[in-house]
Amino acid sequence: MERGVATDEAVRAHLRRAGVRLTGPRQAVIAALAEAERALTLKEILERARRRRPQMGLATVYRVVDLLQGLGLLRQVHYEAHGCQRYFLALPGHHHQLVCRECGRVVEFPCEGRLSELEGELELDTGFRIEDHLLQFYGLCPEHRAQQVEGRDDESKGWGD
């Protein structure tokens, strides 16, 4: 994962500044998320966290996820390929995501200027007062785009012979 995505040390430092205790279960969940190269489901977080704390239960994962989300240190993406929510560590602040349909890789990006203009226009046009938004783009990361192009090249070579 990339831009805006936090390391375990950055998350731990933020928790310490917020006065939140770094309990064993919290550290296990943070490490599980930090080591992942893509966003994880709750079940995947549990499986990875159990490598450090075998006795950990799903309820504990839910509590840690809620805590981290409440502090702005965990983001949720809807991974449409499987119709489920996935989570990744991130630094506080509002960002938007690019999500790879193949591997679940997430890249965050800020988009303040143009989006603020659009929100203003939408409020004027509809009468809504916009309080929040979620913007996610789905596609293929550079590695899977390259694989797709290679696959097409291989297919075209086979058909032209």
N, C-alpha and C. Protein backbone atom coordinates (compact mmCIF):
# COMPACT_ATOMS: atom_id res chain seq x y z
N MET A 1 0.83 -1.17 0.00
CA MET A 1 0.00 0.00 0.00
C MET A 1 0.88 1.24 0.00
N GLU A 2 0.30 2.33 -0.40
CA GLU A 2 1.14 3.49 -0.65
C GLU A 2 0.58 4.76 -0.05
N ARG A 3 1.04 5.90 -0.55
CA ARG A 3 0.71 7.23 -0.06
C ARG A 3 -0.42 7.29 0.94
N GLY A 4 -0.17 7.91 2.08
CA GLY A 4 -1.20 8.07 3.10
C GLY A 4 -1.37 6.85 3.98
N VAL A 5 -0.80 5.75 3.57
CA VAL A 5 -0.93 4.52 4.34
C VAL A 5 0.15 4.51 5.42
N ALA A 6 -0.24 4.24 6.64
CA ALA A 6 0.65 4.39 7.78
C ALA A 6 1.46 3.14 8.06
N THR A 7 2.61 3.34 8.66
CA THR A 7 3.42 2.23 9.16
C THR A 7 2.95 1.91 10.58
N ASP A 8 3.33 0.74 11.06
CA ASP A 8 2.95 0.38 12.44
C ASP A 8 3.54 1.37 13.44
N GLU A 9 4.78 1.83 13.20
CA GLU A 9 5.40 2.76 14.13
C GLU A 9 4.67 4.11 14.16
N ALA A 10 4.23 4.59 13.00
CA ALA A 10 3.47 5.85 12.96
C ALA A 10 2.15 5.71 13.70
N VAL A 11 1.50 4.58 13.56
CA VAL A 11 0.24 4.35 14.27
C VAL A 11 0.48 4.26 15.77
N ARG A 12 1.51 3.54 16.16
CA ARG A 12 1.84 3.41 17.60
C ARG A 12 2.15 4.78 18.20
N ALA A 13 2.91 5.60 17.47
CA ALA A 13 3.24 6.94 17.96
C ALA A 13 1.98 7.78 18.12
N HIS A 14 1.08 7.68 17.16
CA HIS A 14 -0.17 8.43 17.24
C HIS A 14 -1.00 7.97 18.45
N LEU A 15 -1.04 6.68 18.68
CA LEU A 15 -1.78 6.14 19.83
C LEU A 15 -1.18 6.63 21.14
N ARG A 16 0.15 6.63 21.22
CA ARG A 16 0.80 7.11 22.45
C ARG A 16 0.47 8.58 22.70
N ARG A 17 0.52 9.39 21.63
CA ARG A 17 0.18 10.82 21.78
C ARG A 17 -1.27 11.01 22.20
N ALA A 18 -2.15 10.10 21.76
CA ALA A 18 -3.56 10.19 22.11
C ALA A 18 -3.84 9.61 23.50
N GLY A 19 -2.81 9.06 24.15
CA GLY A 19 -2.98 8.49 25.48
C GLY A 19 -3.63 7.11 25.48
N VAL A 20 -3.57 6.42 24.36
CA VAL A 20 -4.17 5.09 24.24
C VAL A 20 -3.11 4.04 24.55
N ARG A 21 -3.45 3.11 25.43
CA ARG A 21 -2.51 2.04 25.79
C ARG A 21 -2.28 1.10 24.61
N LEU A 22 -1.04 0.68 24.46
CA LEU A 22 -0.69 -0.28 23.42
C LEU A 22 -0.72 -1.69 24.00
N THR A 23 -1.90 -2.23 24.15
CA THR A 23 -2.06 -3.57 24.70
C THR A 23 -1.57 -4.61 23.69
N GLY A 24 -1.37 -5.82 24.15
CA GLY A 24 -0.93 -6.90 23.27
C GLY A 24 -1.87 -7.12 22.09
N PRO A 25 -3.19 -7.21 22.32
CA PRO A 25 -4.10 -7.39 21.19
C PRO A 25 -4.05 -6.23 20.19
N ARG A 26 -3.94 -5.01 20.70
CA ARG A 26 -3.86 -3.86 19.80
C ARG A 26 -2.60 -3.93 18.96
N GLN A 27 -1.48 -4.28 19.59
CA GLN A 27 -0.23 -4.39 18.86
C GLN A 27 -0.30 -5.50 17.81
N ALA A 28 -0.95 -6.60 18.13
CA ALA A 28 -1.07 -7.71 17.18
C ALA A 28 -1.90 -7.30 15.96
N VAL A 29 -2.98 -6.58 16.18
CA VAL A 29 -3.83 -6.13 15.06
C VAL A 29 -3.08 -5.11 14.22
N ILE A 30 -2.42 -4.16 14.87
CA ILE A 30 -1.66 -3.14 14.14
C ILE A 30 -0.56 -3.80 13.29
N ALA A 31 0.16 -4.76 13.87
CA ALA A 31 1.23 -5.45 13.13
C ALA A 31 0.65 -6.23 11.96
N ALA A 32 -0.49 -6.89 12.16
CA ALA A 32 -1.12 -7.66 11.08
C ALA A 32 -1.48 -6.75 9.91
N LEU A 33 -2.02 -5.58 10.22
CA LEU A 33 -2.39 -4.64 9.16
C LEU A 33 -1.16 -4.01 8.50
N ALA A 34 -0.16 -3.69 9.31
CA ALA A 34 1.04 -3.03 8.78
C ALA A 34 1.82 -3.94 7.85
N GLU A 35 1.82 -5.22 8.11
CA GLU A 35 2.58 -6.17 7.30
C GLU A 35 1.88 -6.52 5.99
N ALA A 36 0.60 -6.23 5.90
CA ALA A 36 -0.17 -6.59 4.71
C ALA A 36 0.17 -5.68 3.54
N GLU A 37 0.17 -6.25 2.36
CA GLU A 37 0.42 -5.46 1.16
C GLU A 37 -0.88 -5.03 0.49
N ARG A 38 -1.99 -5.33 1.13
CA ARG A 38 -3.30 -4.95 0.61
C ARG A 38 -4.24 -4.78 1.79
N ALA A 39 -5.41 -4.27 1.54
CA ALA A 39 -6.41 -4.14 2.58
C ALA A 39 -6.91 -5.53 2.97
N LEU A 40 -7.25 -5.72 4.25
CA LEU A 40 -7.63 -7.03 4.77
C LEU A 40 -9.07 -7.05 5.27
N THR A 41 -9.71 -8.22 5.18
CA THR A 41 -11.02 -8.42 5.78
C THR A 41 -10.82 -8.61 7.28
N LEU A 42 -11.89 -8.54 8.05
CA LEU A 42 -11.79 -8.78 9.49
C LEU A 42 -11.27 -10.19 9.77
N LYS A 43 -11.72 -11.14 8.99
CA LYS A 43 -11.26 -12.52 9.19
C LYS A 43 -9.75 -12.63 8.93
N GLU A 44 -9.26 -11.96 7.90
CA GLU A 44 -7.83 -11.99 7.60
C GLU A 44 -7.02 -11.30 8.69
N ILE A 45 -7.57 -10.20 9.23
CA ILE A 45 -6.89 -9.51 10.34
C ILE A 45 -6.78 -10.47 11.51
N LEU A 46 -7.86 -11.17 11.83
CA LEU A 46 -7.86 -12.12 12.94
C LEU A 46 -6.82 -13.21 12.70
N GLU A 47 -6.82 -13.80 11.51
CA GLU A 47 -5.87 -14.88 11.21
C GLU A 47 -4.42 -14.42 11.38
N ARG A 48 -4.11 -13.24 10.90
CA ARG A 48 -2.74 -12.72 10.99
C ARG A 48 -2.39 -12.32 12.42
N ALA A 49 -3.34 -11.73 13.13
CA ALA A 49 -3.09 -11.32 14.52
C ALA A 49 -2.87 -12.53 15.41
N ARG A 50 -3.53 -13.65 15.10
CA ARG A 50 -3.38 -14.87 15.90
C ARG A 50 -1.97 -15.46 15.79
N ARG A 51 -1.21 -15.06 14.81
CA ARG A 51 0.17 -15.53 14.72
C ARG A 51 0.98 -15.00 15.90
N ARG A 52 0.60 -13.85 16.42
CA ARG A 52 1.26 -13.24 17.57
C ARG A 52 0.53 -13.54 18.88
N ARG A 53 -0.79 -13.63 18.80
CA ARG A 53 -1.63 -13.85 19.98
C ARG A 53 -2.66 -14.93 19.63
N PRO A 54 -2.29 -16.20 19.74
CA PRO A 54 -3.16 -17.29 19.31
C PRO A 54 -4.54 -17.29 19.96
N GLN A 55 -4.65 -16.74 21.16
CA GLN A 55 -5.92 -16.76 21.87
C GLN A 55 -6.87 -15.63 21.44
N MET A 56 -6.44 -14.75 20.56
CA MET A 56 -7.26 -13.60 20.17
C MET A 56 -8.56 -14.05 19.51
N GLY A 57 -9.64 -13.33 19.82
CA GLY A 57 -10.94 -13.63 19.25
C GLY A 57 -11.42 -12.52 18.32
N LEU A 58 -12.45 -12.82 17.57
CA LEU A 58 -12.98 -11.87 16.60
C LEU A 58 -13.55 -10.63 17.29
N ALA A 59 -14.15 -10.78 18.46
CA ALA A 59 -14.69 -9.62 19.18
C ALA A 59 -13.58 -8.62 19.51
N THR A 60 -12.42 -9.12 19.85
CA THR A 60 -11.28 -8.24 20.14
C THR A 60 -10.86 -7.49 18.88
N VAL A 61 -10.83 -8.18 17.75
CA VAL A 61 -10.48 -7.53 16.49
C VAL A 61 -11.48 -6.42 16.20
N TYR A 62 -12.77 -6.69 16.38
CA TYR A 62 -13.79 -5.66 16.16
C TYR A 62 -13.53 -4.44 17.04
N ARG A 63 -13.22 -4.65 18.31
CA ARG A 63 -12.97 -3.53 19.22
C ARG A 63 -11.75 -2.71 18.79
N VAL A 64 -10.68 -3.39 18.40
CA VAL A 64 -9.47 -2.67 17.98
C VAL A 64 -9.74 -1.92 16.67
N VAL A 65 -10.44 -2.55 15.75
CA VAL A 65 -10.80 -1.90 14.48
C VAL A 65 -11.63 -0.65 14.76
N ASP A 66 -12.63 -0.76 15.64
CA ASP A 66 -13.45 0.41 15.99
C ASP A 66 -12.60 1.52 16.60
N LEU A 67 -11.69 1.17 17.49
CA LEU A 67 -10.82 2.15 18.12
C LEU A 67 -9.96 2.87 17.07
N LEU A 68 -9.32 2.08 16.21
CA LEU A 68 -8.44 2.67 15.20
C LEU A 68 -9.21 3.53 14.20
N GLN A 69 -10.41 3.09 13.83
CA GLN A 69 -11.23 3.90 12.92
C GLN A 69 -11.64 5.20 13.61
N GLY A 70 -12.02 5.12 14.86
CA GLY A 70 -12.43 6.31 15.60
C GLY A 70 -11.32 7.34 15.72
N LEU A 71 -10.08 6.88 15.73
CA LEU A 71 -8.92 7.78 15.81
C LEU A 71 -8.41 8.20 14.42
N GLY A 72 -9.08 7.72 13.37
CA GLY A 72 -8.68 8.08 12.02
C GLY A 72 -7.46 7.34 11.52
N LEU A 73 -7.11 6.23 12.18
CA LEU A 73 -5.90 5.48 11.82
C LEU A 73 -6.18 4.23 10.99
N LEU A 74 -7.43 3.99 10.70
CA LEU A 74 -7.81 2.81 9.93
C LEU A 74 -8.87 3.24 8.93
N ARG A 75 -8.69 2.86 7.70
CA ARG A 75 -9.67 3.18 6.66
C ARG A 75 -10.34 1.89 6.20
N GLN A 76 -11.53 2.07 5.73
CA GLN A 76 -12.32 0.96 5.23
C GLN A 76 -12.55 1.19 3.75
N VAL A 77 -12.35 0.15 2.96
CA VAL A 77 -12.68 0.22 1.54
C VAL A 77 -13.65 -0.89 1.22
N HIS A 78 -14.56 -0.58 0.32
CA HIS A 78 -15.47 -1.61 -0.16
C HIS A 78 -14.77 -2.28 -1.33
N TYR A 79 -14.47 -3.54 -1.16
CA TYR A 79 -13.76 -4.29 -2.19
C TYR A 79 -14.81 -4.99 -3.03
N GLU A 80 -15.22 -4.34 -4.11
CA GLU A 80 -16.38 -4.78 -4.86
C GLU A 80 -16.24 -6.16 -5.49
N ALA A 81 -15.03 -6.60 -5.76
CA ALA A 81 -14.85 -7.91 -6.39
C ALA A 81 -15.42 -9.03 -5.52
N HIS A 82 -15.39 -8.83 -4.20
CA HIS A 82 -15.88 -9.86 -3.30
C HIS A 82 -17.03 -9.37 -2.43
N GLY A 83 -17.48 -8.14 -2.66
CA GLY A 83 -18.61 -7.60 -1.93
C GLY A 83 -18.40 -7.52 -0.43
N CYS A 84 -17.20 -7.18 0.01
CA CYS A 84 -16.95 -7.11 1.44
C CYS A 84 -16.11 -5.88 1.78
N GLN A 85 -16.06 -5.58 3.05
CA GLN A 85 -15.26 -4.46 3.53
C GLN A 85 -13.85 -4.95 3.86
N ARG A 86 -12.90 -4.13 3.56
CA ARG A 86 -11.51 -4.41 3.90
C ARG A 86 -10.94 -3.18 4.59
N TYR A 87 -9.86 -3.37 5.34
CA TYR A 87 -9.31 -2.31 6.17
C TYR A 87 -7.82 -2.19 5.96
N PHE A 88 -7.31 -0.95 6.11
CA PHE A 88 -5.88 -0.72 6.05
C PHE A 88 -5.52 0.45 6.96
N LEU A 89 -4.29 0.42 7.47
CA LEU A 89 -3.80 1.50 8.33
C LEU A 89 -3.56 2.75 7.49
N ALA A 90 -3.87 3.89 8.07
CA ALA A 90 -3.67 5.16 7.37
C ALA A 90 -3.46 6.26 8.39
N LEU A 91 -2.85 7.32 7.95
CA LEU A 91 -2.68 8.47 8.81
C LEU A 91 -3.96 9.29 8.81
N PRO A 92 -4.23 10.01 9.91
CA PRO A 92 -5.45 10.82 9.95
C PRO A 92 -5.48 11.84 8.83
N GLY A 93 -6.66 12.20 8.43
CA GLY A 93 -6.86 13.15 7.34
C GLY A 93 -7.77 12.55 6.30
N HIS A 94 -8.35 13.38 5.49
CA HIS A 94 -9.30 12.89 4.49
C HIS A 94 -8.57 12.60 3.17
N HIS A 95 -8.67 11.38 2.72
CA HIS A 95 -8.08 10.96 1.46
C HIS A 95 -9.09 10.12 0.70
N HIS A 96 -8.77 9.86 -0.53
CA HIS A 96 -9.59 9.02 -1.38
C HIS A 96 -8.72 7.86 -1.85
N GLN A 97 -9.37 6.82 -2.36
CA GLN A 97 -8.60 5.62 -2.66
C GLN A 97 -8.74 5.15 -4.10
N LEU A 98 -7.64 4.58 -4.58
CA LEU A 98 -7.61 3.79 -5.81
C LEU A 98 -7.47 2.35 -5.33
N VAL A 99 -8.32 1.45 -5.81
CA VAL A 99 -8.32 0.07 -5.34
C VAL A 99 -8.15 -0.85 -6.55
N CYS A 100 -7.14 -1.73 -6.48
CA CYS A 100 -6.92 -2.69 -7.55
C CYS A 100 -7.93 -3.82 -7.44
N ARG A 101 -8.63 -4.09 -8.51
CA ARG A 101 -9.65 -5.16 -8.52
C ARG A 101 -9.02 -6.55 -8.40
N GLU A 102 -7.77 -6.68 -8.79
CA GLU A 102 -7.13 -8.00 -8.78
C GLU A 102 -6.53 -8.35 -7.42
N CYS A 103 -5.73 -7.43 -6.87
CA CYS A 103 -4.97 -7.78 -5.67
C CYS A 103 -5.43 -7.05 -4.41
N GLY A 104 -6.30 -6.05 -4.55
CA GLY A 104 -6.77 -5.32 -3.38
C GLY A 104 -5.82 -4.23 -2.91
N ARG A 105 -4.76 -3.98 -3.65
CA ARG A 105 -3.82 -2.91 -3.30
C ARG A 105 -4.56 -1.58 -3.26
N VAL A 106 -4.22 -0.74 -2.28
CA VAL A 106 -4.86 0.55 -2.11
C VAL A 106 -3.82 1.66 -2.20
N VAL A 107 -4.12 2.68 -2.97
CA VAL A 107 -3.29 3.88 -3.05
C VAL A 107 -4.20 5.03 -2.66
N GLU A 108 -3.78 5.81 -1.67
CA GLU A 108 -4.56 6.97 -1.25
C GLU A 108 -4.06 8.23 -1.93
N PHE A 109 -4.98 9.16 -2.18
CA PHE A 109 -4.60 10.45 -2.76
C PHE A 109 -5.52 11.54 -2.22
N PRO A 110 -4.97 12.74 -2.02
CA PRO A 110 -5.82 13.87 -1.62
C PRO A 110 -6.47 14.47 -2.87
N CYS A 111 -7.62 15.08 -2.71
CA CYS A 111 -8.32 15.66 -3.86
C CYS A 111 -9.21 16.79 -3.36
N GLU A 112 -8.62 17.75 -2.70
CA GLU A 112 -9.41 18.77 -2.01
C GLU A 112 -10.02 19.82 -2.93
N GLY A 113 -9.22 20.48 -3.75
CA GLY A 113 -9.68 21.63 -4.51
C GLY A 113 -10.87 21.37 -5.41
N ARG A 114 -10.72 20.50 -6.37
CA ARG A 114 -11.78 20.25 -7.35
C ARG A 114 -13.00 19.63 -6.70
N LEU A 115 -12.79 18.77 -5.72
CA LEU A 115 -13.91 18.12 -5.07
C LEU A 115 -14.72 19.10 -4.24
N SER A 116 -14.05 20.05 -3.61
CA SER A 116 -14.75 21.08 -2.84
C SER A 116 -15.65 21.90 -3.76
N GLU A 117 -15.17 22.21 -4.94
CA GLU A 117 -15.98 22.94 -5.92
C GLU A 117 -17.21 22.13 -6.31
N LEU A 118 -17.02 20.84 -6.56
CA LEU A 118 -18.13 19.97 -6.92
C LEU A 118 -19.15 19.88 -5.79
N GLU A 119 -18.68 19.75 -4.55
CA GLU A 119 -19.59 19.71 -3.41
C GLU A 119 -20.44 20.98 -3.34
N GLY A 120 -19.81 22.13 -3.55
CA GLY A 120 -20.54 23.40 -3.54
C GLY A 120 -21.61 23.44 -4.62
N GLU A 121 -21.26 23.00 -5.82
CA GLU A 121 -22.22 22.96 -6.92
C GLU A 121 -23.38 22.01 -6.60
N LEU A 122 -23.05 20.84 -6.05
CA LEU A 122 -24.10 19.88 -5.71
C LEU A 122 -25.05 20.43 -4.65
N GLU A 123 -24.51 21.11 -3.67
CA GLU A 123 -25.35 21.71 -2.63
C GLU A 123 -26.29 22.74 -3.23
N LEU A 124 -25.77 23.58 -4.13
CA LEU A 124 -26.61 24.59 -4.78
C LEU A 124 -27.68 23.94 -5.65
N ASP A 125 -27.29 22.92 -6.41
CA ASP A 125 -28.22 22.27 -7.34
C ASP A 125 -29.30 21.46 -6.65
N THR A 126 -28.97 20.84 -5.51
CA THR A 126 -29.90 19.89 -4.88
C THR A 126 -30.52 20.38 -3.58
N GLY A 127 -29.91 21.37 -2.96
CA GLY A 127 -30.40 21.81 -1.65
C GLY A 127 -29.87 20.97 -0.50
N PHE A 128 -29.10 19.93 -0.80
CA PHE A 128 -28.50 19.10 0.25
C PHE A 128 -27.40 19.90 0.95
N ARG A 129 -27.18 19.60 2.22
CA ARG A 129 -25.98 20.07 2.89
C ARG A 129 -25.06 18.86 2.99
N ILE A 130 -23.99 18.86 2.27
CA ILE A 130 -23.07 17.72 2.25
C ILE A 130 -22.20 17.78 3.49
N GLU A 131 -22.19 16.66 4.23
CA GLU A 131 -21.42 16.59 5.47
C GLU A 131 -20.18 15.72 5.34
N ASP A 132 -20.21 14.78 4.42
CA ASP A 132 -19.08 13.88 4.24
C ASP A 132 -19.23 13.19 2.89
N HIS A 133 -18.19 12.54 2.46
CA HIS A 133 -18.24 11.78 1.22
C HIS A 133 -17.19 10.68 1.24
N LEU A 134 -17.36 9.77 0.32
CA LEU A 134 -16.42 8.66 0.15
C LEU A 134 -16.19 8.54 -1.35
N LEU A 135 -14.93 8.54 -1.74
CA LEU A 135 -14.61 8.44 -3.15
C LEU A 135 -13.56 7.34 -3.33
N GLN A 136 -13.95 6.32 -4.08
CA GLN A 136 -13.04 5.22 -4.38
C GLN A 136 -13.11 4.93 -5.87
N PHE A 137 -11.95 4.78 -6.48
CA PHE A 137 -11.86 4.39 -7.87
C PHE A 137 -11.36 2.95 -7.91
N TYR A 138 -11.91 2.16 -8.81
CA TYR A 138 -11.51 0.77 -8.96
C TYR A 138 -10.87 0.57 -10.33
N GLY A 139 -9.84 -0.24 -10.36
CA GLY A 139 -9.17 -0.52 -11.61
C GLY A 139 -8.06 -1.53 -11.38
N LEU A 140 -7.01 -1.40 -12.15
CA LEU A 140 -5.88 -2.33 -12.04
C LEU A 140 -4.62 -1.55 -11.68
N CYS A 141 -3.88 -2.06 -10.71
CA CYS A 141 -2.61 -1.45 -10.32
C CYS A 141 -1.62 -1.65 -11.47
N PRO A 142 -0.48 -0.93 -11.44
CA PRO A 142 0.48 -1.05 -12.55
C PRO A 142 0.93 -2.49 -12.83
N GLU A 143 1.13 -3.29 -11.79
CA GLU A 143 1.57 -4.67 -12.00
C GLU A 143 0.51 -5.49 -12.72
N HIS A 144 -0.75 -5.34 -12.32
CA HIS A 144 -1.80 -6.13 -12.97
C HIS A 144 -2.14 -5.58 -14.36
N ARG A 145 -1.95 -4.29 -14.57
CA ARG A 145 -2.11 -3.74 -15.92
C ARG A 145 -1.06 -4.36 -16.84
N ALA A 146 0.18 -4.46 -16.35
CA ALA A 146 1.25 -5.03 -17.16
C ALA A 146 0.96 -6.50 -17.48
N GLN A 147 0.45 -7.24 -16.48
CA GLN A 147 0.10 -8.64 -16.71
C GLN A 147 -1.01 -8.76 -17.74
N GLN A 148 -1.97 -7.85 -17.67
CA GLN A 148 -3.07 -7.87 -18.62
C GLN A 148 -2.57 -7.60 -20.04
N VAL A 149 -1.67 -6.64 -20.18
CA VAL A 149 -1.11 -6.32 -21.50
C VAL A 149 -0.30 -7.50 -22.01
N GLU A 150 0.51 -8.12 -21.14
CA GLU A 150 1.30 -9.29 -21.54
C GLU A 150 0.39 -10.42 -21.99
N GLY A 151 -0.70 -10.61 -21.27
CA GLY A 151 -1.65 -11.66 -21.64
C GLY A 151 -2.27 -11.41 -23.00
N ARG A 152 -2.58 -10.16 -23.29
CA ARG A 152 -3.15 -9.82 -24.60
C ARG A 152 -2.12 -10.05 -25.70
N ASP A 153 -0.86 -9.67 -25.42
CA ASP A 153 0.19 -9.89 -26.41
C ASP A 153 0.35 -11.37 -26.70
N ASP A 154 0.32 -12.20 -25.64
CA ASP A 154 0.45 -13.64 -25.82
C ASP A 154 -0.72 -14.19 -26.62
N GLU A 155 -1.93 -13.70 -26.31
CA GLU A 155 -3.12 -14.18 -27.03
C GLU A 155 -3.05 -13.78 -28.49
N SER A 156 -2.64 -12.53 -28.77
CA SER A 156 -2.61 -12.08 -30.16
C SER A 156 -1.55 -12.85 -30.94
N LYS A 157 -0.45 -13.22 -30.30
CA LYS A 157 0.59 -13.99 -30.98
C LYS A 157 0.05 -15.37 -31.36
N GLY A 158 -0.71 -15.96 -30.47
CA GLY A 158 -1.24 -17.29 -30.74
C GLY A 158 -2.27 -17.30 -31.86
N TRP A 159 -3.08 -16.23 -31.98
CA TRP A 159 -4.13 -16.20 -32.98
C TRP A 159 -3.57 -15.88 -34.37
N GLY A 160 -2.47 -15.17 -34.41
CA GLY A 160 -1.96 -14.74 -35.73
C GLY A 160 -1.09 -15.78 -36.42
N ASP A 161 -0.76 -16.86 -35.77
CA ASP A 161 0.19 -17.83 -36.36
C ASP A 161 -0.43 -18.64 -37.43
